[in-house]
């Protein structure tokens, strides 16, 4: 018994359809490239900032050691925060861990903002931590959407 093969005809696309398809693919690839560049740009920026802040916090050198003294917590808390900052900085450069690193650093920065406003009454430091927290939250959103898009 002979098998029947079904041959489908390909419909010719009009030039307008071909142009629309190319533009859609081009737009998608441009948006993907922009998202990737934004993710890496924010990751490297926060990595550089967190390396500096985390090292200063962990070693107790600089003005950051005074902050922990003024908020009246023991040195264990300074070590904990410095370790979280450094671990988060490393996680920001690992694509699979980037979302969780951004979550951790956003939490630390929100706590730092509260300490700067409520305890230290340092508006300038609070503004800096708010800007860094916004960058971390933006990175969280971008990393989550990137991971979700790569799964599908």
Protein backbone atom coordinates (compact mmCIF):
# COMPACT_ATOMS: atom_id res chain seq x y z
CA UNK A 1 0.00 0.00 0.00
CA UNK A 2 1.49 3.32 -0.97
CA UNK A 3 1.55 6.13 1.53
CA UNK A 4 -0.04 9.36 0.56
CA UNK A 5 2.15 12.37 0.93
CA UNK A 6 0.60 15.71 1.37
CA UNK A 7 2.45 18.61 -0.17
CA UNK A 8 1.43 22.04 0.91
CA UNK A 9 1.93 25.01 -1.27
CA UNK A 10 3.79 27.91 0.19
CA UNK A 11 1.97 31.12 -0.32
CA UNK A 12 4.04 33.90 -1.77
CA UNK A 13 4.35 36.89 0.50
CA UNK A 14 3.81 40.35 -0.75
CA UNK A 15 6.70 42.79 -0.36
CA UNK A 16 4.73 44.60 2.35
CA UNK A 17 4.31 41.37 4.35
CA UNK A 18 7.99 40.56 4.01
CA UNK A 19 8.96 44.06 5.12
CA UNK A 20 6.60 43.90 8.12
CA UNK A 21 8.03 40.53 9.17
CA UNK A 22 11.61 41.80 8.87
CA UNK A 23 10.78 44.94 10.85
CA UNK A 24 9.13 42.89 13.60
CA UNK A 25 12.13 40.57 13.86
CA UNK A 26 14.50 43.53 13.79
CA UNK A 27 12.51 45.38 16.47
CA UNK A 28 12.47 42.29 18.68
CA UNK A 29 16.20 41.76 18.34
CA UNK A 30 16.90 45.45 19.05
CA UNK A 31 14.73 45.37 22.19
CA UNK A 32 16.45 42.17 23.33
CA UNK A 33 19.86 43.77 22.81
CA UNK A 34 18.79 46.89 24.72
CA UNK A 35 17.46 44.80 27.61
CA UNK A 36 20.68 42.79 27.75
CA UNK A 37 22.78 45.97 27.68
CA UNK A 38 20.67 47.52 30.45
CA UNK A 39 20.98 44.39 32.59
CA UNK A 40 24.74 44.24 32.23
CA UNK A 41 25.16 47.99 32.64
CA UNK A 42 23.18 48.04 35.88
CA UNK A 43 24.89 44.87 37.09
CA UNK A 44 28.39 46.24 36.56
CA UNK A 45 27.48 49.64 38.04
CA UNK A 46 26.00 48.08 41.18
CA UNK A 47 28.87 45.58 41.36
CA UNK A 48 31.44 48.38 41.45
CA UNK A 49 29.48 50.36 44.05
CA UNK A 50 28.81 47.30 46.21
CA UNK A 51 32.41 46.14 46.16
CA UNK A 52 33.47 49.47 47.57
CA UNK A 53 30.64 49.76 50.10
CA UNK A 54 30.77 46.11 51.12
CA UNK A 55 34.52 46.13 51.67
CA UNK A 56 34.33 49.33 53.73
CA UNK A 57 31.47 47.90 55.78
CA UNK A 58 33.18 44.58 56.35
CA UNK A 59 36.55 46.03 57.31
CA UNK A 60 35.12 48.86 59.40
CA UNK A 61 37.13 51.55 57.63
CA UNK A 62 35.72 54.85 56.53
CA UNK A 63 32.52 56.64 57.36
CA UNK A 64 30.38 53.51 57.06
CA UNK A 65 31.75 52.11 60.32
CA UNK A 66 30.46 55.23 62.09
CA UNK A 67 26.98 54.65 60.70
CA UNK A 68 26.77 51.28 62.43
CA UNK A 69 28.08 52.86 65.63
CA UNK A 70 25.41 55.60 65.48
CA UNK A 71 22.55 53.19 64.87
CA UNK A 72 23.69 51.37 68.01
CA UNK A 73 24.09 47.83 66.73
CA UNK A 74 26.95 45.52 67.50
CA UNK A 75 29.80 44.70 65.13
CA UNK A 76 28.07 41.44 64.19
CA UNK A 77 25.48 43.43 62.23
CA UNK A 78 28.19 45.31 60.33
CA UNK A 79 29.81 41.99 59.43
CA UNK A 80 26.46 40.57 58.32
CA UNK A 81 25.61 43.58 56.15
CA UNK A 82 29.11 43.71 54.64
CA UNK A 83 28.96 40.00 53.80
CA UNK A 84 25.51 40.35 52.20
CA UNK A 85 26.74 43.34 50.17
CA UNK A 86 29.80 41.48 48.89
CA UNK A 87 27.86 38.27 48.18
CA UNK A 88 25.20 40.27 46.34
CA UNK A 89 27.88 42.04 44.31
CA UNK A 90 29.22 38.67 43.18
CA UNK A 91 25.70 37.37 42.45
CA UNK A 92 25.00 40.34 40.18
CA UNK A 93 27.59 39.06 37.71
CA UNK A 94 26.10 35.54 37.56
CA UNK A 95 23.04 35.52 35.30
CA UNK A 96 21.22 32.74 37.19
CA UNK A 97 21.81 34.44 40.56
CA UNK A 98 21.38 38.04 39.41
CA UNK A 99 17.71 38.34 40.42
CA UNK A 100 18.36 37.08 43.97
CA UNK A 101 21.44 39.28 44.35
CA UNK A 102 19.41 42.31 43.32
CA UNK A 103 16.65 41.32 45.79
CA UNK A 104 19.15 41.04 48.64
CA UNK A 105 20.85 44.33 47.90
CA UNK A 106 17.51 46.14 47.46
CA UNK A 107 16.53 44.94 50.95
CA UNK A 108 19.86 46.09 52.42
CA UNK A 109 19.56 49.48 50.71
CA UNK A 110 16.01 50.00 51.93
CA UNK A 111 17.22 49.25 55.47
CA UNK A 112 20.10 51.67 54.97
CA UNK A 113 17.66 54.33 53.77
CA UNK A 114 15.56 53.86 56.89
CA UNK A 115 18.66 54.12 59.11
CA UNK A 116 19.82 57.25 57.29
CA UNK A 117 16.45 58.97 57.64
CA UNK A 118 15.20 57.82 61.04
CA UNK A 119 18.41 57.44 63.03
CA UNK A 120 21.16 59.44 61.33
CA UNK A 121 18.98 62.27 59.97
CA UNK A 122 21.29 62.29 56.94
CA UNK A 123 19.20 63.33 53.96
CA UNK A 124 22.07 63.18 51.45
CA UNK A 125 22.97 59.61 52.40
CA UNK A 126 19.28 58.68 52.21
CA UNK A 127 19.06 60.10 48.69
CA UNK A 128 22.08 58.07 47.61
CA UNK A 129 20.68 54.85 49.06
CA UNK A 130 17.28 55.51 47.46
CA UNK A 131 18.89 55.94 44.03
CA UNK A 132 20.89 52.72 44.48
CA UNK A 133 17.76 50.91 45.70
CA UNK A 134 15.84 52.06 42.62
CA UNK A 135 18.68 50.76 40.42
CA UNK A 136 18.55 47.42 42.28
CA UNK A 137 14.76 47.14 41.90
CA UNK A 138 15.03 48.00 38.20
CA UNK A 139 17.68 45.30 37.84
CA UNK A 140 15.38 42.86 39.66
CA UNK A 141 12.59 43.55 37.16
CA UNK A 142 14.88 43.27 34.14
CA UNK A 143 16.58 40.10 35.41
CA UNK A 144 13.22 38.49 36.16
CA UNK A 145 11.82 39.32 32.73
CA UNK A 146 15.03 38.13 31.06
CA UNK A 147 14.98 34.82 32.92
CA UNK A 148 11.30 34.37 32.13
CA UNK A 149 11.85 35.08 28.44
CA UNK A 150 14.73 32.62 28.25
CA UNK A 151 12.60 29.84 29.77
CA UNK A 152 9.97 30.13 27.05
